[in-house]
N, C-alpha and C. Protein backbone atom coordinates (compact mmCIF):
# COMPACT_ATOMS: atom_id res chain seq x y z
N UNK A 1 -19.62 -49.57 14.76
CA UNK A 1 -18.00 -49.55 14.60
C UNK A 1 -17.95 -47.40 15.07
N UNK A 2 -18.29 -46.85 14.14
CA UNK A 2 -18.23 -45.66 14.97
C UNK A 2 -18.53 -44.89 15.41
N UNK A 3 -19.52 -45.70 16.58
CA UNK A 3 -20.05 -44.86 17.78
C UNK A 3 -18.68 -45.42 18.48
N UNK A 4 -18.06 -46.43 18.55
CA UNK A 4 -16.96 -47.21 19.41
C UNK A 4 -16.05 -46.07 19.55
N UNK A 5 -16.00 -45.93 18.00
CA UNK A 5 -14.76 -44.70 17.90
C UNK A 5 -14.68 -43.34 18.45
N UNK A 6 -15.98 -43.07 18.27
CA UNK A 6 -16.26 -42.01 18.83
C UNK A 6 -15.86 -41.82 20.62
N UNK A 7 -16.47 -42.74 21.39
CA UNK A 7 -16.51 -42.41 22.41
C UNK A 7 -15.13 -42.91 22.64
N UNK A 8 -13.96 -43.99 22.01
CA UNK A 8 -13.01 -44.12 22.32
C UNK A 8 -11.81 -42.61 22.52
N UNK A 9 -12.42 -42.02 21.47
CA UNK A 9 -11.78 -40.66 21.10
C UNK A 9 -12.34 -39.62 21.66
N UNK A 10 -13.38 -39.33 22.32
CA UNK A 10 -14.03 -38.76 23.95
C UNK A 10 -13.17 -38.93 25.07
N UNK A 11 -12.86 -39.88 24.92
CA UNK A 11 -12.76 -40.59 26.60
C UNK A 11 -10.44 -40.44 26.02
N UNK A 12 -10.10 -40.78 25.07
CA UNK A 12 -8.85 -39.95 24.87
C UNK A 12 -8.38 -38.84 25.01
N UNK A 13 -9.53 -37.94 24.62
CA UNK A 13 -9.59 -36.18 24.99
C UNK A 13 -9.61 -36.05 26.12
N UNK A 14 -10.43 -36.79 27.45
CA UNK A 14 -10.88 -36.00 28.71
C UNK A 14 -9.04 -35.66 29.29
N UNK A 15 -8.39 -37.15 29.43
CA UNK A 15 -7.47 -35.87 30.12
C UNK A 15 -6.47 -35.00 29.39
N UNK A 16 -6.34 -35.15 28.03
CA UNK A 16 -5.87 -33.44 27.59
C UNK A 16 -6.47 -32.75 27.53
N UNK A 17 -7.73 -32.12 27.73
CA UNK A 17 -8.31 -31.31 28.21
C UNK A 17 -8.36 -30.35 29.53
N UNK A 18 -7.81 -31.86 30.11
CA UNK A 18 -8.16 -31.63 31.98
C UNK A 18 -6.95 -30.74 32.17
N UNK A 19 -5.98 -31.10 31.17
CA UNK A 19 -4.32 -31.02 32.11
C UNK A 19 -4.68 -29.69 31.12
N UNK A 20 -4.98 -29.29 30.39
CA UNK A 20 -5.21 -28.12 29.31
C UNK A 20 -5.70 -26.53 29.93
N UNK A 21 -6.55 -27.31 30.99
CA UNK A 21 -7.25 -26.47 31.61
C UNK A 21 -6.01 -26.54 33.27
N UNK A 22 -5.87 -26.56 33.13
CA UNK A 22 -4.85 -26.23 34.52
C UNK A 22 -3.85 -25.26 35.28
N UNK A 23 -4.13 -24.59 36.12
CA UNK A 23 -3.35 -23.61 35.80
C UNK A 23 -2.13 -23.54 35.78
N UNK A 24 -1.32 -22.49 35.05
CA UNK A 24 0.19 -23.09 35.15
C UNK A 24 1.52 -22.34 35.46
N UNK A 25 2.04 -22.46 36.31
CA UNK A 25 2.72 -21.05 36.70
C UNK A 25 4.45 -21.48 36.54
N UNK A 26 5.31 -20.95 36.15
CA UNK A 26 6.27 -20.70 35.69
C UNK A 26 7.50 -20.43 36.74
N UNK A 27 8.52 -21.41 36.91
CA UNK A 27 9.53 -21.13 38.17
C UNK A 27 10.89 -21.36 36.98
N UNK A 28 11.64 -20.14 36.82
CA UNK A 28 13.38 -20.09 35.81
C UNK A 28 14.36 -20.34 36.74
N UNK A 29 15.35 -21.13 36.77
CA UNK A 29 16.38 -21.16 37.06
C UNK A 29 17.85 -20.42 36.21
N UNK A 30 17.96 -19.34 36.91
CA UNK A 30 19.12 -18.95 36.15
C UNK A 30 20.18 -18.16 37.44
N UNK A 31 21.49 -18.54 37.03
CA UNK A 31 22.47 -18.49 38.12
C UNK A 31 22.64 -18.97 39.47
N UNK A 32 21.71 -20.42 39.27
CA UNK A 32 21.82 -21.43 40.63
C UNK A 32 21.00 -20.74 41.09
N UNK A 33 20.12 -19.87 40.70
CA UNK A 33 18.28 -19.40 41.67
C UNK A 33 17.34 -19.72 41.06
N UNK A 34 16.27 -20.34 41.65
CA UNK A 34 14.92 -20.01 41.16
C UNK A 34 14.49 -18.49 41.10
N UNK A 35 13.86 -17.93 40.31
CA UNK A 35 13.00 -16.70 39.48
C UNK A 35 11.74 -17.38 39.51
N UNK A 36 10.59 -16.38 39.94
CA UNK A 36 11.30 -15.98 41.93
C UNK A 36 10.88 -16.91 42.12
N UNK A 37 11.79 -16.88 43.64
CA UNK A 37 11.74 -17.04 45.00
C UNK A 37 10.73 -17.71 45.39
N UNK A 38 9.11 -17.02 45.26
CA UNK A 38 8.32 -17.12 46.09
C UNK A 38 7.30 -17.36 45.28
N UNK A 39 6.57 -18.37 45.29
CA UNK A 39 5.29 -18.57 44.29
C UNK A 39 3.75 -18.54 44.95
N UNK A 40 2.95 -18.13 45.06
CA UNK A 40 1.51 -18.43 44.90
C UNK A 40 0.68 -19.24 44.33
N UNK A 41 0.36 -20.05 44.81
CA UNK A 41 -0.71 -21.20 43.69
C UNK A 41 -1.95 -21.33 44.07
N UNK A 42 -2.83 -21.91 43.99
CA UNK A 42 -4.63 -21.91 44.22
C UNK A 42 -4.80 -22.94 45.32
N UNK A 43 -5.01 -23.09 46.67
CA UNK A 43 -4.97 -24.30 47.72
C UNK A 43 -6.08 -25.16 46.83
N UNK A 44 -6.11 -26.50 46.70
CA UNK A 44 -7.49 -27.37 46.32
C UNK A 44 -7.20 -27.63 45.03
N UNK A 45 -6.00 -26.71 44.26
CA UNK A 45 -6.42 -27.70 42.72
C UNK A 45 -5.23 -27.73 42.39
N UNK A 46 -5.31 -28.71 41.61
CA UNK A 46 -4.17 -29.21 40.53
C UNK A 46 -3.65 -28.48 39.81
N UNK A 47 -1.82 -28.36 39.94
CA UNK A 47 -1.58 -26.96 39.21
C UNK A 47 -0.13 -27.65 38.34
N UNK A 48 -0.14 -26.86 37.07
CA UNK A 48 1.28 -27.42 36.14
C UNK A 48 2.20 -26.03 36.78
N UNK A 49 3.07 -26.98 36.77
CA UNK A 49 4.00 -26.13 37.16
C UNK A 49 5.52 -26.31 36.30
N UNK A 50 5.63 -25.24 34.85
CA UNK A 50 6.85 -25.58 34.48
C UNK A 50 8.05 -24.76 35.12
N UNK A 51 9.48 -25.60 34.74
CA UNK A 51 10.50 -25.10 35.58
C UNK A 51 11.79 -24.64 34.41
N UNK A 52 12.07 -23.79 33.44
CA UNK A 52 13.01 -23.54 32.60
C UNK A 52 14.12 -23.36 33.44
N UNK A 53 15.08 -24.20 33.20
CA UNK A 53 16.56 -24.34 33.76
C UNK A 53 17.22 -23.55 32.61
N UNK A 54 17.93 -21.48 32.60
CA UNK A 54 18.56 -21.27 31.88
C UNK A 54 20.43 -21.29 31.88
N UNK A 55 20.79 -22.14 32.74
CA UNK A 55 21.70 -22.31 33.32
C UNK A 55 22.22 -23.62 32.49
N UNK A 56 23.77 -23.64 31.76
CA UNK A 56 24.04 -24.51 31.03
C UNK A 56 24.21 -25.82 31.49
N UNK A 57 24.41 -25.62 33.24
CA UNK A 57 24.17 -26.97 33.92
C UNK A 57 23.33 -27.64 34.05
N UNK A 58 22.83 -28.80 34.31
CA UNK A 58 21.65 -29.09 35.11
C UNK A 58 20.91 -28.67 36.50
N UNK A 59 19.99 -28.66 36.57
CA UNK A 59 19.69 -28.52 37.92
C UNK A 59 19.09 -29.76 38.93
N UNK A 60 18.56 -30.27 39.62
CA UNK A 60 17.65 -30.92 40.68
C UNK A 60 16.45 -30.64 41.43
N UNK A 61 15.01 -30.06 40.89
CA UNK A 61 14.07 -29.40 41.01
C UNK A 61 13.95 -30.29 42.72
N UNK A 62 13.64 -30.10 43.92
CA UNK A 62 13.45 -31.13 45.15
C UNK A 62 12.42 -30.64 46.06
N UNK A 63 11.61 -30.93 46.27
CA UNK A 63 11.25 -30.31 47.56
C UNK A 63 10.59 -32.31 48.31
N UNK A 64 10.84 -31.87 49.49
CA UNK A 64 9.56 -33.36 50.38
C UNK A 64 9.11 -33.09 50.55
N UNK A 65 8.41 -32.00 50.59
CA UNK A 65 6.61 -31.19 51.26
C UNK A 65 5.95 -31.56 50.12
N UNK A 66 6.34 -31.38 48.33
CA UNK A 66 5.41 -31.69 47.65
C UNK A 66 5.49 -32.69 47.13
N UNK A 67 6.69 -33.73 47.64
CA UNK A 67 7.24 -35.37 47.13
C UNK A 67 7.50 -34.86 45.60
N UNK A 68 8.50 -34.28 45.38
CA UNK A 68 8.76 -34.21 43.87
C UNK A 68 10.03 -34.24 43.76
N UNK A 69 10.83 -34.59 42.75
CA UNK A 69 12.25 -34.60 42.41
C UNK A 69 12.13 -35.05 41.22
N UNK A 70 12.86 -33.64 40.82
CA UNK A 70 13.52 -33.74 39.13
C UNK A 70 14.42 -33.02 38.51
N UNK A 71 15.37 -33.70 37.82
CA UNK A 71 16.76 -33.18 37.08
C UNK A 71 15.91 -32.40 35.72
N UNK A 72 16.88 -31.25 35.55
CA UNK A 72 16.14 -30.78 34.83
C UNK A 72 17.28 -30.07 33.81
N UNK A 73 17.74 -30.68 32.87
CA UNK A 73 18.73 -30.90 32.20
C UNK A 73 19.41 -29.12 31.65
N UNK A 74 20.25 -28.69 31.98
CA UNK A 74 20.79 -27.71 31.46
C UNK A 74 19.83 -26.76 30.06
N UNK A 75 19.71 -25.91 30.29
CA UNK A 75 19.16 -25.39 28.88
C UNK A 75 17.97 -25.91 28.60
N UNK A 76 16.91 -26.66 29.08
CA UNK A 76 16.03 -26.89 29.06
C UNK A 76 14.59 -27.34 29.97
N UNK A 77 13.94 -27.18 29.84
CA UNK A 77 12.31 -27.32 30.54
C UNK A 77 11.87 -28.10 31.04
N UNK A 78 10.94 -28.37 32.16
CA UNK A 78 9.90 -29.35 32.23
C UNK A 78 8.59 -28.74 33.03
N UNK A 79 7.89 -29.61 32.66
CA UNK A 79 6.45 -29.56 33.50
C UNK A 79 6.05 -30.56 34.13
N UNK A 80 6.28 -29.95 35.50
CA UNK A 80 5.48 -30.80 36.32
C UNK A 80 3.79 -30.65 36.98
N UNK A 81 3.32 -31.72 37.07
CA UNK A 81 1.76 -31.68 37.55
C UNK A 81 2.02 -31.89 39.40
N UNK A 82 0.88 -30.90 39.92
CA UNK A 82 1.50 -30.71 41.36
C UNK A 82 -0.17 -30.70 41.68
N UNK A 83 -0.61 -31.56 43.04
CA UNK A 83 -1.42 -31.23 43.87
C UNK A 83 -2.57 -32.25 43.74
N UNK A 84 -4.02 -31.85 44.31
CA UNK A 84 -3.94 -30.65 45.02
C UNK A 84 -3.14 -30.08 46.17
N UNK A 85 -3.09 -28.87 47.01
CA UNK A 85 -2.27 -28.62 47.70
C UNK A 85 -3.18 -28.10 49.18
N UNK A 86 -2.85 -28.19 50.44
CA UNK A 86 -4.10 -27.65 51.05
C UNK A 86 -3.00 -26.83 51.61
N UNK A 87 -3.72 -25.65 51.86
CA UNK A 87 -3.21 -23.87 52.15
C UNK A 87 -2.07 -24.67 53.21
N UNK A 88 -0.92 -23.68 52.78
CA UNK A 88 0.61 -23.29 53.63
C UNK A 88 1.36 -23.51 52.44
N UNK A 89 2.87 -23.82 53.10
CA UNK A 89 3.47 -22.80 52.65
C UNK A 89 4.53 -24.40 51.79
N UNK A 90 5.33 -24.61 51.06
CA UNK A 90 6.10 -25.60 50.81
C UNK A 90 7.44 -24.93 49.95
N UNK A 91 8.57 -25.67 50.80
CA UNK A 91 9.92 -25.35 50.23
C UNK A 91 10.36 -26.18 49.65
N UNK A 92 11.17 -25.33 48.70
CA UNK A 92 12.16 -26.22 47.52
C UNK A 92 13.45 -26.47 47.62
N UNK A 93 14.29 -26.84 46.64
CA UNK A 93 15.90 -26.54 46.41
C UNK A 93 15.75 -26.86 45.49
N UNK A 94 17.31 -26.05 44.77
CA UNK A 94 17.90 -26.84 43.45
C UNK A 94 18.92 -28.09 43.97
N UNK A 95 18.32 -28.99 44.20
CA UNK A 95 20.12 -29.92 45.04
C UNK A 95 21.27 -30.03 44.54
N UNK A 96 21.37 -28.99 43.32
CA UNK A 96 22.71 -29.52 42.97
C UNK A 96 23.19 -28.05 43.68
N UNK A 97 22.70 -26.81 43.81
CA UNK A 97 23.50 -25.97 44.31
C UNK A 97 22.35 -25.55 45.33
N UNK A 98 22.62 -26.07 46.19
CA UNK A 98 21.44 -25.99 47.57
C UNK A 98 21.36 -24.54 48.55
N UNK A 99 22.39 -24.30 48.18
CA UNK A 99 22.77 -22.62 49.22
C UNK A 99 22.51 -21.68 48.45
N UNK A 100 22.23 -21.50 47.07
CA UNK A 100 21.56 -20.89 46.43
C UNK A 100 20.05 -20.70 45.92
N UNK A 101 20.36 -22.09 45.48
CA UNK A 101 18.49 -22.65 44.97
C UNK A 101 17.42 -22.89 45.61
N UNK A 102 17.15 -21.72 46.56
CA UNK A 102 15.36 -22.47 47.32
C UNK A 102 14.27 -21.43 46.86
N UNK A 103 13.73 -21.99 47.37
CA UNK A 103 12.18 -20.84 46.92
C UNK A 103 11.06 -21.81 48.10
N UNK A 104 10.13 -21.00 48.09
CA UNK A 104 8.85 -21.55 48.41
C UNK A 104 7.60 -21.37 47.81
N UNK A 105 6.90 -22.28 48.02
CA UNK A 105 5.25 -22.35 46.69
C UNK A 105 4.60 -22.50 48.04
N UNK A 106 3.78 -21.08 48.10
CA UNK A 106 2.69 -21.04 49.30
C UNK A 106 1.14 -21.18 48.33
N UNK A 107 0.15 -22.12 49.08
CA UNK A 107 -1.04 -22.56 48.30
C UNK A 107 -2.19 -21.45 49.58
N UNK A 108 -2.55 -20.91 48.73
CA UNK A 108 -3.86 -20.41 49.62
C UNK A 108 -5.33 -19.95 48.51
């Protein structure tokens, strides 16, 4: 019984420890703009993208090339797991303020 519990604990801990080791990058939404508007990430690796919305209104992070769409309520943050990505440029927008909230994620 102890061995089964140990194995189960190990299996449950693996995804958490693997997630903790992913490189993470932060985007901030402020005044309906992404800061920074361009971010460089490693190609061929999964990453964590933390998006913090400092505006009081919600924004929708959307990227067709990344296949991601997520509403971020005002004053909150979300974490997305993305990739692994091939080298290249991946555009994203804030769909609710598309004229000002634009950016590019570059995988190198």
